[in-house]
Amino acid sequence: MKKINVTFSIPEDTNKALHLMIERRQMSSFVTKVINEALAREKEVLKLAYIEAENDSDRKRSISEWQALDVEDWE
């Protein structure tokens, strides 16, 4: 897998804790793992929100009402 260098800012206390807990040679793999885990959680939250929206009866009713205004009938 191709890797790139990324620069970002984090709080100083977070940086100190990170360097106390994680060896320098393992820093990239640790940060990658943590980011991937957070992204997976966010993806699941988004998926559940889409499912909830798909099953929302008010949303379905609104779509149905708007579909009744079919453009072909506008003459």
PDB file of N, CA and C in Angstrom:
ATOM      1  N   MET A   1       0.846  -1.174   0.000  1.00  0.00           N
ATOM      2  CA  MET A   1       0.000   0.000   0.000  1.00  0.00           C
ATOM      3  C   MET A   1       0.894   1.240   0.000  1.00  0.00           C
ATOM      4  N   LYS A   2       0.558   2.172  -0.890  1.00  0.00           N
ATOM      5  CA  LYS A   2       1.316   3.415  -0.967  1.00  0.00           C
ATOM      6  C   LYS A   2       1.059   4.253   0.283  1.00  0.00           C
ATOM      7  N   LYS A   3       2.102   4.870   0.798  1.00  0.00           N
ATOM      8  CA  LYS A   3       1.979   5.715   1.987  1.00  0.00           C
ATOM      9  C   LYS A   3       2.346   7.146   1.627  1.00  0.00           C
ATOM     10  N   ILE A   4       1.744   8.088   2.357  1.00  0.00           N
ATOM     11  CA  ILE A   4       2.048   9.497   2.183  1.00  0.00           C
ATOM     12  C   ILE A   4       2.321  10.108   3.559  1.00  0.00           C
ATOM     13  N   ASN A   5       3.043  11.202   3.571  1.00  0.00           N
ATOM     14  CA  ASN A   5       3.262  11.944   4.813  1.00  0.00           C
ATOM     15  C   ASN A   5       2.124  12.936   4.981  1.00  0.00           C
ATOM     16  N   VAL A   6       1.622  13.052   6.206  1.00  0.00           N
ATOM     17  CA  VAL A   6       0.515  13.946   6.511  1.00  0.00           C
ATOM     18  C   VAL A   6       0.912  14.816   7.697  1.00  0.00           C
ATOM     19  N   THR A   7       0.594  16.090   7.602  1.00  0.00           N
ATOM     20  CA  THR A   7       0.857  17.007   8.704  1.00  0.00           C
ATOM     21  C   THR A   7      -0.472  17.518   9.240  1.00  0.00           C
ATOM     22  N   PHE A   8      -0.661  17.427  10.544  1.00  0.00           N
ATOM     23  CA  PHE A   8      -1.865  17.944  11.176  1.00  0.00           C
ATOM     24  C   PHE A   8      -1.513  18.358  12.592  1.00  0.00           C
ATOM     25  N   SER A   9      -2.401  19.109  13.215  1.00  0.00           N
ATOM     26  CA  SER A   9      -2.159  19.611  14.565  1.00  0.00           C
ATOM     27  C   SER A   9      -2.995  18.845  15.577  1.00  0.00           C
ATOM     28  N   ILE A  10      -2.390  18.558  16.722  1.00  0.00           N
ATOM     29  CA  ILE A  10      -3.103  17.942  17.837  1.00  0.00           C
ATOM     30  C   ILE A  10      -2.719  18.702  19.110  1.00  0.00           C
ATOM     31  N   PRO A  11      -3.550  18.621  20.131  1.00  0.00           N
ATOM     32  CA  PRO A  11      -3.209  19.307  21.385  1.00  0.00           C
ATOM     33  C   PRO A  11      -1.866  18.802  21.943  1.00  0.00           C
ATOM     34  N   GLU A  12      -1.150  19.677  22.578  1.00  0.00           N
ATOM     35  CA  GLU A  12       0.165  19.346  23.130  1.00  0.00           C
ATOM     36  C   GLU A  12       0.085  18.184  24.119  1.00  0.00           C
ATOM     37  N   ASP A  13      -0.934  18.183  24.983  1.00  0.00           N
ATOM     38  CA  ASP A  13      -1.087  17.096  25.951  1.00  0.00           C
ATOM     39  C   ASP A  13      -1.301  15.751  25.260  1.00  0.00           C
ATOM     40  N   THR A  14      -2.062  15.758  24.177  1.00  0.00           N
ATOM     41  CA  THR A  14      -2.295  14.530  23.417  1.00  0.00           C
ATOM     42  C   THR A  14      -0.992  14.031  22.816  1.00  0.00           C
ATOM     43  N   ASN A  15      -0.218  14.951  22.290  1.00  0.00           N
ATOM     44  CA  ASN A  15       1.067  14.590  21.695  1.00  0.00           C
ATOM     45  C   ASN A  15       2.015  13.989  22.749  1.00  0.00           C
ATOM     46  N   LYS A  16       2.050  14.605  23.927  1.00  0.00           N
ATOM     47  CA  LYS A  16       2.909  14.080  24.996  1.00  0.00           C
ATOM     48  C   LYS A  16       2.472  12.673  25.406  1.00  0.00           C
ATOM     49  N   ALA A  17       1.174  12.484  25.582  1.00  0.00           N
ATOM     50  CA  ALA A  17       0.665  11.167  25.968  1.00  0.00           C
ATOM     51  C   ALA A  17       0.968  10.133  24.894  1.00  0.00           C
ATOM     52  N   LEU A  18       0.791  10.518  23.640  1.00  0.00           N
ATOM     53  CA  LEU A  18       1.068   9.607  22.522  1.00  0.00           C
ATOM     54  C   LEU A  18       2.525   9.161  22.543  1.00  0.00           C
ATOM     55  N   HIS A  19       3.431  10.102  22.716  1.00  0.00           N
ATOM     56  CA  HIS A  19       4.855   9.765  22.718  1.00  0.00           C
ATOM     57  C   HIS A  19       5.278   8.990  23.975  1.00  0.00           C
ATOM     58  N   LEU A  20       4.561   9.165  25.074  1.00  0.00           N
ATOM     59  CA  LEU A  20       4.859   8.379  26.275  1.00  0.00           C
ATOM     60  C   LEU A  20       4.399   6.927  26.131  1.00  0.00           C
ATOM     61  N   MET A  21       3.296   6.741  25.416  1.00  0.00           N
ATOM     62  CA  MET A  21       2.678   5.417  25.338  1.00  0.00           C
ATOM     63  C   MET A  21       3.121   4.587  24.134  1.00  0.00           C
ATOM     64  N   ILE A  22       3.482   5.246  23.041  1.00  0.00           N
ATOM     65  CA  ILE A  22       3.772   4.536  21.792  1.00  0.00           C
ATOM     66  C   ILE A  22       5.209   4.788  21.369  1.00  0.00           C
ATOM     67  N   GLU A  23       5.894   3.701  21.023  1.00  0.00           N
ATOM     68  CA  GLU A  23       7.279   3.835  20.550  1.00  0.00           C
ATOM     69  C   GLU A  23       7.288   4.557  19.210  1.00  0.00           C
ATOM     70  N   ARG A  24       8.320   5.346  18.999  1.00  0.00           N
ATOM     71  CA  ARG A  24       8.431   6.147  17.779  1.00  0.00           C
ATOM     72  C   ARG A  24       8.306   5.295  16.520  1.00  0.00           C
ATOM     73  N   ARG A  25       8.904   4.135  16.510  1.00  0.00           N
ATOM     74  CA  ARG A  25       8.864   3.299  15.302  1.00  0.00           C
ATOM     75  C   ARG A  25       7.492   2.683  15.063  1.00  0.00           C
ATOM     76  N   GLN A  26       6.624   2.728  16.053  1.00  0.00           N
ATOM     77  CA  GLN A  26       5.274   2.173  15.905  1.00  0.00           C
ATOM     78  C   GLN A  26       4.214   3.269  15.768  1.00  0.00           C
ATOM     79  N   MET A  27       4.652   4.525  15.754  1.00  0.00           N
ATOM     80  CA  MET A  27       3.720   5.655  15.746  1.00  0.00           C
ATOM     81  C   MET A  27       2.799   5.630  14.532  1.00  0.00           C
ATOM     82  N   SER A  28       3.338   5.480  13.332  1.00  0.00           N
ATOM     83  CA  SER A  28       2.511   5.515  12.123  1.00  0.00           C
ATOM     84  C   SER A  28       1.474   4.401  12.111  1.00  0.00           C
ATOM     85  N   SER A  29       1.890   3.196  12.481  1.00  0.00           N
ATOM     86  CA  SER A  29       0.928   2.092  12.464  1.00  0.00           C
ATOM     87  C   SER A  29      -0.146   2.277  13.539  1.00  0.00           C
ATOM     88  N   PHE A  30       0.227   2.834  14.692  1.00  0.00           N
ATOM     89  CA  PHE A  30      -0.746   3.084  15.747  1.00  0.00           C
ATOM     90  C   PHE A  30      -1.772   4.127  15.302  1.00  0.00           C
ATOM     91  N   VAL A  31      -1.290   5.237  14.773  1.00  0.00           N
ATOM     92  CA  VAL A  31      -2.189   6.305  14.327  1.00  0.00           C
ATOM     93  C   VAL A  31      -3.087   5.800  13.199  1.00  0.00           C
ATOM     94  N   THR A  32      -2.541   5.041  12.271  1.00  0.00           N
ATOM     95  CA  THR A  32      -3.333   4.473  11.181  1.00  0.00           C
ATOM     96  C   THR A  32      -4.433   3.569  11.727  1.00  0.00           C
ATOM     97  N   LYS A  33      -4.083   2.720  12.700  1.00  0.00           N
ATOM     98  CA  LYS A  33      -5.066   1.813  13.295  1.00  0.00           C
ATOM     99  C   LYS A  33      -6.194   2.594  13.974  1.00  0.00           C
ATOM    100  N   VAL A  34      -5.829   3.595  14.761  1.00  0.00           N
ATOM    101  CA  VAL A  34      -6.826   4.388  15.485  1.00  0.00           C
ATOM    102  C   VAL A  34      -7.736   5.142  14.512  1.00  0.00           C
ATOM    103  N   ILE A  35      -7.164   5.717  13.480  1.00  0.00           N
ATOM    104  CA  ILE A  35      -7.969   6.435  12.489  1.00  0.00           C
ATOM    105  C   ILE A  35      -8.909   5.474  11.770  1.00  0.00           C
ATOM    106  N   ASN A  36      -8.413   4.317  11.363  1.00  0.00           N
ATOM    107  CA  ASN A  36      -9.262   3.340  10.678  1.00  0.00           C
ATOM    108  C   ASN A  36     -10.412   2.860  11.563  1.00  0.00           C
ATOM    109  N   GLU A  37     -10.142   2.656  12.840  1.00  0.00           N
ATOM    110  CA  GLU A  37     -11.211   2.259  13.772  1.00  0.00           C
ATOM    111  C   GLU A  37     -12.258   3.363  13.896  1.00  0.00           C
ATOM    112  N   ALA A  38     -11.810   4.612  14.009  1.00  0.00           N
ATOM    113  CA  ALA A  38     -12.740   5.737  14.119  1.00  0.00           C
ATOM    114  C   ALA A  38     -13.555   5.891  12.838  1.00  0.00           C
ATOM    115  N   LEU A  39     -12.919   5.717  11.690  1.00  0.00           N
ATOM    116  CA  LEU A  39     -13.636   5.807  10.416  1.00  0.00           C
ATOM    117  C   LEU A  39     -14.681   4.704  10.289  1.00  0.00           C
ATOM    118  N   ALA A  40     -14.354   3.509  10.746  1.00  0.00           N
ATOM    119  CA  ALA A  40     -15.315   2.400  10.706  1.00  0.00           C
ATOM    120  C   ALA A  40     -16.524   2.705  11.580  1.00  0.00           C
ATOM    121  N   ARG A  41     -16.292   3.283  12.764  1.00  0.00           N
ATOM    122  CA  ARG A  41     -17.412   3.664  13.639  1.00  0.00           C
ATOM    123  C   ARG A  41     -18.270   4.743  12.983  1.00  0.00           C
ATOM    124  N   GLU A  42     -17.638   5.736  12.388  1.00  0.00           N
ATOM    125  CA  GLU A  42     -18.375   6.812  11.720  1.00  0.00           C
ATOM    126  C   GLU A  42     -19.181   6.269  10.544  1.00  0.00           C
ATOM    127  N   LYS A  43     -18.599   5.335   9.812  1.00  0.00           N
ATOM    128  CA  LYS A  43     -19.299   4.724   8.679  1.00  0.00           C
ATOM    129  C   LYS A  43     -20.542   3.981   9.167  1.00  0.00           C
ATOM    130  N   GLU A  44     -20.427   3.297  10.280  1.00  0.00           N
ATOM    131  CA  GLU A  44     -21.568   2.556  10.840  1.00  0.00           C
ATOM    132  C   GLU A  44     -22.657   3.520  11.307  1.00  0.00           C
ATOM    133  N   VAL A  45     -22.262   4.631  11.934  1.00  0.00           N
ATOM    134  CA  VAL A  45     -23.229   5.642  12.366  1.00  0.00           C
ATOM    135  C   VAL A  45     -23.968   6.203  11.154  1.00  0.00           C
ATOM    136  N   LEU A  46     -23.236   6.498  10.093  1.00  0.00           N
ATOM    137  CA  LEU A  46     -23.847   7.026   8.878  1.00  0.00           C
ATOM    138  C   LEU A  46     -24.789   6.006   8.250  1.00  0.00           C
ATOM    139  N   LYS A  47     -24.365   4.745   8.221  1.00  0.00           N
ATOM    140  CA  LYS A  47     -25.201   3.680   7.676  1.00  0.00           C
ATOM    141  C   LYS A  47     -26.519   3.577   8.448  1.00  0.00           C
ATOM    142  N   LEU A  48     -26.442   3.613   9.772  1.00  0.00           N
ATOM    143  CA  LEU A  48     -27.650   3.539  10.595  1.00  0.00           C
ATOM    144  C   LEU A  48     -28.548   4.749  10.376  1.00  0.00           C
ATOM    145  N   ALA A  49     -27.947   5.918  10.168  1.00  0.00           N
ATOM    146  CA  ALA A  49     -28.742   7.121   9.908  1.00  0.00           C
ATOM    147  C   ALA A  49     -29.477   6.999   8.575  1.00  0.00           C
ATOM    148  N   TYR A  50     -28.818   6.447   7.560  1.00  0.00           N
ATOM    149  CA  TYR A  50     -29.470   6.240   6.269  1.00  0.00           C
ATOM    150  C   TYR A  50     -30.615   5.238   6.393  1.00  0.00           C
ATOM    151  N   ILE A  51     -30.395   4.177   7.144  1.00  0.00           N
ATOM    152  CA  ILE A  51     -31.450   3.178   7.352  1.00  0.00           C
ATOM    153  C   ILE A  51     -32.635   3.807   8.067  1.00  0.00           C
ATOM    154  N   GLU A  52     -32.350   4.599   9.084  1.00  0.00           N
ATOM    155  CA  GLU A  52     -33.417   5.271   9.827  1.00  0.00           C
ATOM    156  C   GLU A  52     -34.190   6.222   8.912  1.00  0.00           C
ATOM    157  N   ALA A  53     -33.479   6.968   8.090  1.00  0.00           N
ATOM    158  CA  ALA A  53     -34.138   7.896   7.166  1.00  0.00           C
ATOM    159  C   ALA A  53     -34.984   7.134   6.148  1.00  0.00           C
ATOM    160  N   GLU A  54     -34.473   6.013   5.674  1.00  0.00           N
ATOM    161  CA  GLU A  54     -35.207   5.202   4.696  1.00  0.00           C
ATOM    162  C   GLU A  54     -36.516   4.684   5.277  1.00  0.00           C
ATOM    163  N   ASN A  55     -36.545   4.427   6.555  1.00  0.00           N
ATOM    164  CA  ASN A  55     -37.730   3.874   7.203  1.00  0.00           C
ATOM    165  C   ASN A  55     -38.622   4.936   7.844  1.00  0.00           C
ATOM    166  N   ASP A  56     -38.285   6.205   7.681  1.00  0.00           N
ATOM    167  CA  ASP A  56     -39.047   7.290   8.296  1.00  0.00           C
ATOM    168  C   ASP A  56     -40.371   7.488   7.552  1.00  0.00           C
ATOM    169  N   SER A  57     -41.483   7.316   8.254  1.00  0.00           N
ATOM    170  CA  SER A  57     -42.801   7.406   7.611  1.00  0.00           C
ATOM    171  C   SER A  57     -43.111   8.822   7.132  1.00  0.00           C
ATOM    172  N   ASP A  58     -42.684   9.843   7.863  1.00  0.00           N
ATOM    173  CA  ASP A  58     -42.909  11.226   7.419  1.00  0.00           C
ATOM    174  C   ASP A  58     -42.165  11.500   6.118  1.00  0.00           C
ATOM    175  N   ARG A  59     -40.952  11.010   6.019  1.00  0.00           N
ATOM    176  CA  ARG A  59     -40.160  11.175   4.802  1.00  0.00           C
ATOM    177  C   ARG A  59     -40.846  10.481   3.632  1.00  0.00           C
ATOM    178  N   LYS A  60     -41.305   9.250   3.857  1.00  0.00           N
ATOM    179  CA  LYS A  60     -41.986   8.504   2.799  1.00  0.00           C
ATOM    180  C   LYS A  60     -43.248   9.225   2.343  1.00  0.00           C
ATOM    181  N   ARG A  61     -44.004   9.775   3.296  1.00  0.00           N
ATOM    182  CA  ARG A  61     -45.225  10.503   2.969  1.00  0.00           C
ATOM    183  C   ARG A  61     -44.893  11.739   2.137  1.00  0.00           C
ATOM    184  N   SER A  62     -43.864  12.471   2.508  1.00  0.00           N
ATOM    185  CA  SER A  62     -43.467  13.668   1.763  1.00  0.00           C
ATOM    186  C   SER A  62     -43.056  13.309   0.339  1.00  0.00           C
ATOM    187  N   ILE A  63     -42.308  12.244   0.189  1.00  0.00           N
ATOM    188  CA  ILE A  63     -41.897  11.801  -1.152  1.00  0.00           C
ATOM    189  C   ILE A  63     -43.122  11.449  -1.976  1.00  0.00           C
ATOM    190  N   SER A  64     -44.041  10.741  -1.363  1.00  0.00           N
ATOM    191  CA  SER A  64     -45.272  10.352  -2.059  1.00  0.00           C
ATOM    192  C   SER A  64     -46.069  11.582  -2.490  1.00  0.00           C
ATOM    193  N   GLU A  65     -46.157  12.576  -1.613  1.00  0.00           N
ATOM    194  CA  GLU A  65     -46.891  13.801  -1.938  1.00  0.00           C
ATOM    195  C   GLU A  65     -46.227  14.545  -3.095  1.00  0.00           C
ATOM    196  N   TRP A  66     -44.901  14.604  -3.084  1.00  0.00           N
ATOM    197  CA  TRP A  66     -44.200  15.291  -4.168  1.00  0.00           C
ATOM    198  C   TRP A  66     -44.306  14.515  -5.473  1.00  0.00           C
ATOM    199  N   GLN A  67     -44.324  13.189  -5.409  1.00  0.00           N
ATOM    200  CA  GLN A  67     -44.455  12.385  -6.623  1.00  0.00           C
ATOM    201  C   GLN A  67     -45.831  12.586  -7.254  1.00  0.00           C
ATOM    202  N   ALA A  68     -46.820  12.953  -6.464  1.00  0.00           N
ATOM    203  CA  ALA A  68     -48.160  13.213  -6.979  1.00  0.00           C
ATOM    204  C   ALA A  68     -48.169  14.446  -7.885  1.00  0.00           C
ATOM    205  N   LEU A  69     -47.170  15.281  -7.734  1.00  0.00           N
ATOM    206  CA  LEU A  69     -47.056  16.477  -8.570  1.00  0.00           C
ATOM    207  C   LEU A  69     -46.232  16.180  -9.807  1.00  0.00           C
ATOM    208  N   ASP A  70     -46.501  15.069 -10.431  1.00  0.00           N
ATOM    209  CA  ASP A  70     -45.757  14.616 -11.609  1.00  0.00           C
ATOM    210  C   ASP A  70     -45.749  15.693 -12.677  1.00  0.00           C
ATOM    211  N   VAL A  71     -44.601  16.021 -13.177  1.00  0.00           N
ATOM    212  CA  VAL A  71     -44.415  17.109 -14.149  1.00  0.00           C
ATOM    213  C   VAL A  71     -45.208  16.841 -15.431  1.00  0.00           C
ATOM    214  N   GLU A  72     -45.401  15.595 -15.804  1.00  0.00           N
ATOM    215  CA  GLU A  72     -46.113  15.288 -17.036  1.00  0.00           C
ATOM    216  C   GLU A  72     -47.556  15.779 -16.993  1.00  0.00           C
ATOM    217  N   ASP A  73     -48.109  15.930 -15.827  1.00  0.00           N
ATOM    218  CA  ASP A  73     -49.493  16.381 -15.687  1.00  0.00           C
ATOM    219  C   ASP A  73     -49.627  17.896 -15.695  1.00  0.00           C
ATOM    220  N   TRP A  74     -48.542  18.611 -15.843  1.00  0.00           N
ATOM    221  CA  TRP A  74     -48.572  20.068 -15.807  1.00  0.00           C
ATOM    222  C   TRP A  74     -48.779  20.619 -17.216  1.00  0.00           C
ATOM    223  N   GLU A  75     -49.985  20.756 -17.638  1.00  0.00           N
ATOM    224  CA  GLU A  75     -50.233  21.333 -18.955  1.00  0.00           C
ATOM    225  C   GLU A  75     -51.211  22.440 -18.880  1.00  0.00           C
TER     226      GLU A  75
END
